[in-house]
Amino acid sequence: KTIYNAEVGELYHSRNGALQESLHVFVNA
């Protein structure tokens, strides 16, 4: 899960996967 901010018009994470993005971009890389 992630959060959609309607005011900004954006998700807090990738729609392709919050968990995989966090692990790939930040934890692993």
PDB file of all heavy atoms in Angstrom:
ATOM      1  N   LYS A   1       0.819  -1.211   0.000  1.00  0.00           N
ATOM      2  CA  LYS A   1       0.000   0.000   0.000  1.00  0.00           C
ATOM      3  C   LYS A   1       0.855   1.264   0.000  1.00  0.00           C
ATOM      4  O   LYS A   1       1.990   1.275   0.459  1.00  0.00           O
ATOM      5  CB  LYS A   1      -0.927   0.003   1.214  1.00  0.00           C
ATOM      6  CG  LYS A   1      -2.008  -1.073   1.165  1.00  0.00           C
ATOM      7  CD  LYS A   1      -2.913  -0.993   2.377  1.00  0.00           C
ATOM      8  CE  LYS A   1      -4.097  -1.960   2.246  1.00  0.00           C
ATOM      9  NZ  LYS A   1      -3.692  -3.364   2.174  1.00  0.00           N
ATOM     10  N   THR A   2       0.271   2.305  -0.519  1.00  0.00           N
ATOM     11  CA  THR A   2       0.852   3.629  -0.440  1.00  0.00           C
ATOM     12  C   THR A   2      -0.292   4.610  -0.215  1.00  0.00           C
ATOM     13  O   THR A   2      -1.430   4.215   0.028  1.00  0.00           O
ATOM     14  CB  THR A   2       1.662   3.981  -1.693  1.00  0.00           C
ATOM     15  OG1 THR A   2       2.385   5.209  -1.469  1.00  0.00           O
ATOM     16  CG2 THR A   2       0.782   4.148  -2.924  1.00  0.00           C
ATOM     17  N   ILE A   3       0.009   5.891  -0.301  1.00  0.00           N
ATOM     18  CA  ILE A   3      -1.001   6.925  -0.076  1.00  0.00           C
ATOM     19  C   ILE A   3      -1.062   7.837  -1.297  1.00  0.00           C
ATOM     20  O   ILE A   3      -0.021   8.208  -1.855  1.00  0.00           O
ATOM     21  CB  ILE A   3      -0.680   7.722   1.199  1.00  0.00           C
ATOM     22  CG1 ILE A   3      -0.885   6.813   2.422  1.00  0.00           C
ATOM     23  CG2 ILE A   3      -1.540   8.979   1.312  1.00  0.00           C
ATOM     24  CD1 ILE A   3      -0.447   7.405   3.722  1.00  0.00           C
ATOM     25  N   TYR A   4      -2.266   8.159  -1.688  1.00  0.00           N
ATOM     26  CA  TYR A   4      -2.480   9.121  -2.762  1.00  0.00           C
ATOM     27  C   TYR A   4      -2.827  10.467  -2.150  1.00  0.00           C
ATOM     28  O   TYR A   4      -3.743  10.578  -1.333  1.00  0.00           O
ATOM     29  CB  TYR A   4      -3.620   8.672  -3.678  1.00  0.00           C
ATOM     30  CG  TYR A   4      -3.939   9.676  -4.766  1.00  0.00           C
ATOM     31  CD1 TYR A   4      -3.071   9.867  -5.833  1.00  0.00           C
ATOM     32  CD2 TYR A   4      -5.102  10.448  -4.714  1.00  0.00           C
ATOM     33  CE1 TYR A   4      -3.352  10.792  -6.826  1.00  0.00           C
ATOM     34  CE2 TYR A   4      -5.397  11.368  -5.707  1.00  0.00           C
ATOM     35  CZ  TYR A   4      -4.509  11.540  -6.756  1.00  0.00           C
ATOM     36  OH  TYR A   4      -4.781  12.471  -7.734  1.00  0.00           O
ATOM     37  N   ASN A   5      -2.079  11.488  -2.540  1.00  0.00           N
ATOM     38  CA  ASN A   5      -2.313  12.844  -2.073  1.00  0.00           C
ATOM     39  C   ASN A   5      -3.061  13.594  -3.175  1.00  0.00           C
ATOM     40  O   ASN A   5      -2.480  13.946  -4.200  1.00  0.00           O
ATOM     41  CB  ASN A   5      -0.980  13.532  -1.743  1.00  0.00           C
ATOM     42  CG  ASN A   5      -1.157  14.904  -1.121  1.00  0.00           C
ATOM     43  OD1 ASN A   5      -2.011  15.679  -1.545  1.00  0.00           O
ATOM     44  ND2 ASN A   5      -0.346  15.221  -0.136  1.00  0.00           N
ATOM     45  N   ALA A   6      -4.353  13.803  -2.974  1.00  0.00           N
ATOM     46  CA  ALA A   6      -5.188  14.428  -4.000  1.00  0.00           C
ATOM     47  C   ALA A   6      -4.796  15.877  -4.243  1.00  0.00           C
ATOM     48  O   ALA A   6      -4.921  16.382  -5.365  1.00  0.00           O
ATOM     49  CB  ALA A   6      -6.655  14.333  -3.602  1.00  0.00           C
ATOM     50  N   GLU A   7      -4.334  16.550  -3.211  1.00  0.00           N
ATOM     51  CA  GLU A   7      -3.955  17.956  -3.370  1.00  0.00           C
ATOM     52  C   GLU A   7      -2.763  18.099  -4.308  1.00  0.00           C
ATOM     53  O   GLU A   7      -2.723  18.999  -5.157  1.00  0.00           O
ATOM     54  CB  GLU A   7      -3.622  18.572  -2.007  1.00  0.00           C
ATOM     55  CG  GLU A   7      -3.296  20.049  -2.075  1.00  0.00           C
ATOM     56  CD  GLU A   7      -3.047  20.665  -0.706  1.00  0.00           C
ATOM     57  OE1 GLU A   7      -3.130  19.928   0.304  1.00  0.00           O
ATOM     58  OE2 GLU A   7      -2.770  21.874  -0.646  1.00  0.00           O
ATOM     59  N   VAL A   8      -1.787  17.205  -4.163  1.00  0.00           N
ATOM     60  CA  VAL A   8      -0.600  17.225  -5.020  1.00  0.00           C
ATOM     61  C   VAL A   8      -0.872  16.484  -6.324  1.00  0.00           C
ATOM     62  O   VAL A   8      -0.262  16.756  -7.354  1.00  0.00           O
ATOM     63  CB  VAL A   8       0.607  16.600  -4.278  1.00  0.00           C
ATOM     64  CG1 VAL A   8       1.857  16.595  -5.162  1.00  0.00           C
ATOM     65  CG2 VAL A   8       0.885  17.359  -2.989  1.00  0.00           C
ATOM     66  N   GLY A   9      -1.793  15.521  -6.287  1.00  0.00           N
ATOM     67  CA  GLY A   9      -2.073  14.699  -7.449  1.00  0.00           C
ATOM     68  C   GLY A   9      -1.028  13.643  -7.678  1.00  0.00           C
ATOM     69  O   GLY A   9      -0.668  13.324  -8.817  1.00  0.00           O
ATOM     70  N   GLU A  10      -0.518  13.062  -6.587  1.00  0.00           N
ATOM     71  CA  GLU A  10       0.615  12.149  -6.689  1.00  0.00           C
ATOM     72  C   GLU A  10       0.545  11.076  -5.612  1.00  0.00           C
ATOM     73  O   GLU A  10       0.044  11.305  -4.501  1.00  0.00           O
ATOM     74  CB  GLU A  10       1.921  12.941  -6.536  1.00  0.00           C
ATOM     75  CG  GLU A  10       3.204  12.140  -6.745  1.00  0.00           C
ATOM     76  CD  GLU A  10       3.503  11.862  -8.201  1.00  0.00           C
ATOM     77  OE1 GLU A  10       2.638  11.255  -8.869  1.00  0.00           O
ATOM     78  OE2 GLU A  10       4.583  12.251  -8.662  1.00  0.00           O
ATOM     79  N   LEU A  11       1.058   9.890  -5.942  1.00  0.00           N
ATOM     80  CA  LEU A  11       1.231   8.822  -4.968  1.00  0.00           C
ATOM     81  C   LEU A  11       2.529   9.019  -4.200  1.00  0.00           C
ATOM     82  O   LEU A  11       3.493   9.591  -4.718  1.00  0.00           O
ATOM     83  CB  LEU A  11       1.281   7.466  -5.675  1.00  0.00           C
ATOM     84  CG  LEU A  11       0.019   6.994  -6.387  1.00  0.00           C
ATOM     85  CD1 LEU A  11       0.329   5.756  -7.219  1.00  0.00           C
ATOM     86  CD2 LEU A  11      -1.083   6.698  -5.385  1.00  0.00           C
ATOM     87  N   TYR A  12       2.579   8.515  -2.972  1.00  0.00           N
ATOM     88  CA  TYR A  12       3.811   8.583  -2.184  1.00  0.00           C
ATOM     89  C   TYR A  12       4.870   7.620  -2.712  1.00  0.00           C
ATOM     90  O   TYR A  12       6.062   7.800  -2.443  1.00  0.00           O
ATOM     91  CB  TYR A  12       3.516   8.259  -0.715  1.00  0.00           C
ATOM     92  CG  TYR A  12       3.005   9.421   0.098  1.00  0.00           C
ATOM     93  CD1 TYR A  12       1.837  10.080  -0.261  1.00  0.00           C
ATOM     94  CD2 TYR A  12       3.677   9.853   1.231  1.00  0.00           C
ATOM     95  CE1 TYR A  12       1.358  11.144   0.493  1.00  0.00           C
ATOM     96  CE2 TYR A  12       3.202  10.914   1.983  1.00  0.00           C
ATOM     97  CZ  TYR A  12       2.044  11.555   1.610  1.00  0.00           C
ATOM     98  OH  TYR A  12       1.577  12.605   2.363  1.00  0.00           O
ATOM     99  N   HIS A  13       4.436   6.567  -3.405  1.00  0.00           N
ATOM    100  CA  HIS A  13       5.360   5.588  -3.982  1.00  0.00           C
ATOM    101  C   HIS A  13       4.933   5.273  -5.408  1.00  0.00           C
ATOM    102  O   HIS A  13       3.861   5.687  -5.851  1.00  0.00           O
ATOM    103  CB  HIS A  13       5.361   4.287  -3.170  1.00  0.00           C
ATOM    104  CG  HIS A  13       5.722   4.443  -1.730  1.00  0.00           C
ATOM    105  ND1 HIS A  13       4.765   4.612  -0.743  1.00  0.00           N
ATOM    106  CD2 HIS A  13       6.919   4.461  -1.110  1.00  0.00           C
ATOM    107  CE1 HIS A  13       5.377   4.737   0.432  1.00  0.00           C
ATOM    108  NE2 HIS A  13       6.676   4.635   0.233  1.00  0.00           N
ATOM    109  N   SER A  14       5.749   4.478  -6.076  1.00  0.00           N
ATOM    110  CA  SER A  14       5.425   4.057  -7.434  1.00  0.00           C
ATOM    111  C   SER A  14       4.157   3.216  -7.462  1.00  0.00           C
ATOM    112  O   SER A  14       3.974   2.321  -6.633  1.00  0.00           O
ATOM    113  CB  SER A  14       6.590   3.250  -8.009  1.00  0.00           C
ATOM    114  OG  SER A  14       6.220   2.622  -9.216  1.00  0.00           O
ATOM    115  N   ARG A  15       3.304   3.456  -8.450  1.00  0.00           N
ATOM    116  CA  ARG A  15       2.108   2.634  -8.619  1.00  0.00           C
ATOM    117  C   ARG A  15       2.491   1.208  -9.021  1.00  0.00           C
ATOM    118  O   ARG A  15       1.701   0.282  -8.923  1.00  0.00           O
ATOM    119  CB  ARG A  15       1.184   3.260  -9.652  1.00  0.00           C
ATOM    120  CG  ARG A  15       1.696   3.272 -11.074  1.00  0.00           C
ATOM    121  CD  ARG A  15       0.720   3.957 -12.028  1.00  0.00           C
ATOM    122  NE  ARG A  15       0.558   5.374 -11.723  1.00  0.00           N
ATOM    123  CZ  ARG A  15      -0.516   5.880 -11.149  1.00  0.00           C
ATOM    124  NH1 ARG A  15      -1.526   5.105 -10.805  1.00  0.00           N
ATOM    125  NH2 ARG A  15      -0.602   7.186 -10.917  1.00  0.00           N
ATOM    126  N   ASN A  16       3.739   1.015  -9.484  1.00  0.00           N
ATOM    127  CA  ASN A  16       4.222  -0.312  -9.853  1.00  0.00           C
ATOM    128  C   ASN A  16       4.626  -1.145  -8.639  1.00  0.00           C
ATOM    129  O   ASN A  16       5.000  -2.312  -8.798  1.00  0.00           O
ATOM    130  CB  ASN A  16       5.412  -0.196 -10.804  1.00  0.00           C
ATOM    131  CG  ASN A  16       5.006   0.392 -12.142  1.00  0.00           C
ATOM    132  OD1 ASN A  16       4.210  -0.171 -12.868  1.00  0.00           O
ATOM    133  ND2 ASN A  16       5.536   1.569 -12.456  1.00  0.00           N
ATOM    134  N   GLY A  17       4.577  -0.548  -7.454  1.00  0.00           N
ATOM    135  CA  GLY A  17       4.880  -1.292  -6.239  1.00  0.00           C
ATOM    136  C   GLY A  17       5.642  -0.460  -5.239  1.00  0.00           C
ATOM    137  O   GLY A  17       6.806  -0.126  -5.471  1.00  0.00           O
ATOM    138  N   ALA A  18       4.990  -0.130  -4.129  1.00  0.00           N
ATOM    139  CA  ALA A  18       5.651   0.653  -3.077  1.00  0.00           C
ATOM    140  C   ALA A  18       6.807  -0.129  -2.459  1.00  0.00           C
ATOM    141  O   ALA A  18       7.913   0.396  -2.285  1.00  0.00           O
ATOM    142  CB  ALA A  18       4.637   1.030  -1.999  1.00  0.00           C
ATOM    143  N   LEU A  19       6.556  -1.374  -2.133  1.00  0.00           N
ATOM    144  CA  LEU A  19       7.586  -2.187  -1.471  1.00  0.00           C
ATOM    145  C   LEU A  19       8.786  -2.408  -2.370  1.00  0.00           C
ATOM    146  O   LEU A  19       9.931  -2.200  -1.949  1.00  0.00           O
ATOM    147  CB  LEU A  19       6.992  -3.527  -1.040  1.00  0.00           C
ATOM    148  CG  LEU A  19       7.960  -4.501  -0.346  1.00  0.00           C
ATOM    149  CD1 LEU A  19       8.451  -3.926   0.969  1.00  0.00           C
ATOM    150  CD2 LEU A  19       7.292  -5.855  -0.135  1.00  0.00           C
ATOM    151  N   GLN A  20       8.550  -2.818  -3.609  1.00  0.00           N
ATOM    152  CA  GLN A  20       9.685  -3.101  -4.493  1.00  0.00           C
ATOM    153  C   GLN A  20      10.490  -1.839  -4.770  1.00  0.00           C
ATOM    154  O   GLN A  20      11.720  -1.897  -4.861  1.00  0.00           O
ATOM    155  CB  GLN A  20       9.207  -3.770  -5.793  1.00  0.00           C
ATOM    156  CG  GLN A  20       8.279  -2.947  -6.679  1.00  0.00           C
ATOM    157  CD  GLN A  20       8.978  -1.958  -7.588  1.00  0.00           C
ATOM    158  OE1 GLN A  20      10.155  -2.133  -7.918  1.00  0.00           O
ATOM    159  NE2 GLN A  20       8.270  -0.900  -7.967  1.00  0.00           N
ATOM    160  N   GLU A  21       9.822  -0.688  -4.883  1.00  0.00           N
ATOM    161  CA  GLU A  21      10.550   0.553  -5.128  1.00  0.00           C
ATOM    162  C   GLU A  21      11.429   0.913  -3.940  1.00  0.00           C
ATOM    163  O   GLU A  21      12.600   1.261  -4.097  1.00  0.00           O
ATOM    164  CB  GLU A  21       9.574   1.699  -5.403  1.00  0.00           C
ATOM    165  CG  GLU A  21      10.279   3.029  -5.662  1.00  0.00           C
ATOM    166  CD  GLU A  21       9.311   4.187  -5.800  1.00  0.00           C
ATOM    167  OE1 GLU A  21       8.387   4.304  -4.963  1.00  0.00           O
ATOM    168  OE2 GLU A  21       9.482   4.993  -6.728  1.00  0.00           O
ATOM    169  N   SER A  22      10.879   0.810  -2.745  1.00  0.00           N
ATOM    170  CA  SER A  22      11.636   1.156  -1.549  1.00  0.00           C
ATOM    171  C   SER A  22      12.840   0.246  -1.379  1.00  0.00           C
ATOM    172  O   SER A  22      13.954   0.704  -1.075  1.00  0.00           O
ATOM    173  CB  SER A  22      10.719   1.072  -0.324  1.00  0.00           C
ATOM    174  OG  SER A  22      11.383   1.517   0.827  1.00  0.00           O
ATOM    175  N   LEU A  23      12.636  -1.038  -1.577  1.00  0.00           N
ATOM    176  CA  LEU A  23      13.748  -1.981  -1.449  1.00  0.00           C
ATOM    177  C   LEU A  23      14.805  -1.749  -2.517  1.00  0.00           C
ATOM    178  O   LEU A  23      16.007  -1.731  -2.225  1.00  0.00           O
ATOM    179  CB  LEU A  23      13.224  -3.418  -1.543  1.00  0.00           C
ATOM    180  CG  LEU A  23      12.479  -3.956  -0.321  1.00  0.00           C
ATOM    181  CD1 LEU A  23      11.820  -5.294  -0.642  1.00  0.00           C
ATOM    182  CD2 LEU A  23      13.414  -4.093   0.873  1.00  0.00           C
ATOM    183  N   HIS A  24      14.384  -1.553  -3.758  1.00  0.00           N
ATOM    184  CA  HIS A  24      15.336  -1.429  -4.859  1.00  0.00           C
ATOM    185  C   HIS A  24      16.115  -0.116  -4.816  1.00  0.00           C
ATOM    186  O   HIS A  24      17.350  -0.118  -4.861  1.00  0.00           O
ATOM    187  CB  HIS A  24      14.599  -1.533  -6.200  1.00  0.00           C
ATOM    188  CG  HIS A  24      15.506  -1.444  -7.385  1.00  0.00           C
ATOM    189  ND1 HIS A  24      16.069  -2.555  -7.964  1.00  0.00           N
ATOM    190  CD2 HIS A  24      15.964  -0.375  -8.094  1.00  0.00           C
ATOM    191  CE1 HIS A  24      16.844  -2.174  -8.978  1.00  0.00           C
ATOM    192  NE2 HIS A  24      16.784  -0.847  -9.081  1.00  0.00           N
ATOM    193  N   VAL A  25      15.389   0.980  -4.718  1.00  0.00           N
ATOM    194  CA  VAL A  25      16.023   2.302  -4.856  1.00  0.00           C
ATOM    195  C   VAL A  25      16.790   2.697  -3.604  1.00  0.00           C
ATOM    196  O   VAL A  25      17.927   3.192  -3.690  1.00  0.00           O
ATOM    197  CB  VAL A  25      14.959   3.368  -5.186  1.00  0.00           C
ATOM    198  CG1 VAL A  25      15.587   4.770  -5.204  1.00  0.00           C
ATOM    199  CG2 VAL A  25      14.294   3.064  -6.511  1.00  0.00           C
ATOM    200  N   PHE A  26      16.201   2.466  -2.450  1.00  0.00           N
ATOM    201  CA  PHE A  26      16.773   3.013  -1.229  1.00  0.00           C
ATOM    202  C   PHE A  26      17.552   1.982  -0.412  1.00  0.00           C
ATOM    203  O   PHE A  26      18.727   2.203  -0.100  1.00  0.00           O
ATOM    204  CB  PHE A  26      15.675   3.699  -0.412  1.00  0.00           C
ATOM    205  CG  PHE A  26      15.015   4.806  -1.187  1.00  0.00           C
ATOM    206  CD1 PHE A  26      13.737   4.668  -1.705  1.00  0.00           C
ATOM    207  CD2 PHE A  26      15.705   5.982  -1.453  1.00  0.00           C
ATOM    208  CE1 PHE A  26      13.148   5.668  -2.458  1.00  0.00           C
ATOM    209  CE2 PHE A  26      15.133   7.003  -2.206  1.00  0.00           C
ATOM    210  CZ  PHE A  26      13.859   6.851  -2.709  1.00  0.00           C
ATOM    211  N   VAL A  27      16.949   0.855  -0.110  1.00  0.00           N
ATOM    212  CA  VAL A  27      17.646  -0.127   0.721  1.00  0.00           C
ATOM    213  C   VAL A  27      18.798  -0.781  -0.044  1.00  0.00           C
ATOM    214  O   VAL A  27      19.940  -0.819   0.443  1.00  0.00           O
ATOM    215  CB  VAL A  27      16.671  -1.191   1.258  1.00  0.00           C
ATOM    216  CG1 VAL A  27      17.421  -2.235   2.089  1.00  0.00           C
ATOM    217  CG2 VAL A  27      15.593  -0.527   2.109  1.00  0.00           C
ATOM    218  N   ASN A  28      18.532  -1.279  -1.241  1.00  0.00           N
ATOM    219  CA  ASN A  28      19.574  -1.994  -1.970  1.00  0.00           C
ATOM    220  C   ASN A  28      20.591  -1.064  -2.625  1.00  0.00           C
ATOM    221  O   ASN A  28      21.805  -1.228  -2.443  1.00  0.00           O
ATOM    222  CB  ASN A  28      18.948  -2.920  -3.022  1.00  0.00           C
ATOM    223  CG  ASN A  28      18.202  -4.071  -2.390  1.00  0.00           C
ATOM    224  OD1 ASN A  28      18.530  -4.516  -1.292  1.00  0.00           O
ATOM    225  ND2 ASN A  28      17.175  -4.571  -3.062  1.00  0.00           N
ATOM    226  N   ALA A  29      20.108  -0.081  -3.385  1.00  0.00           N
ATOM    227  CA  ALA A  29      21.032   0.810  -4.101  1.00  0.00           C
ATOM    228  C   ALA A  29      21.667   1.850  -3.190  1.00  0.00           C
ATOM    229  O   ALA A  29      22.703   2.423  -3.532  1.00  0.00           O
ATOM    230  CB  ALA A  29      20.304   1.511  -5.249  1.00  0.00           C
TER     231      ALA A  29
END
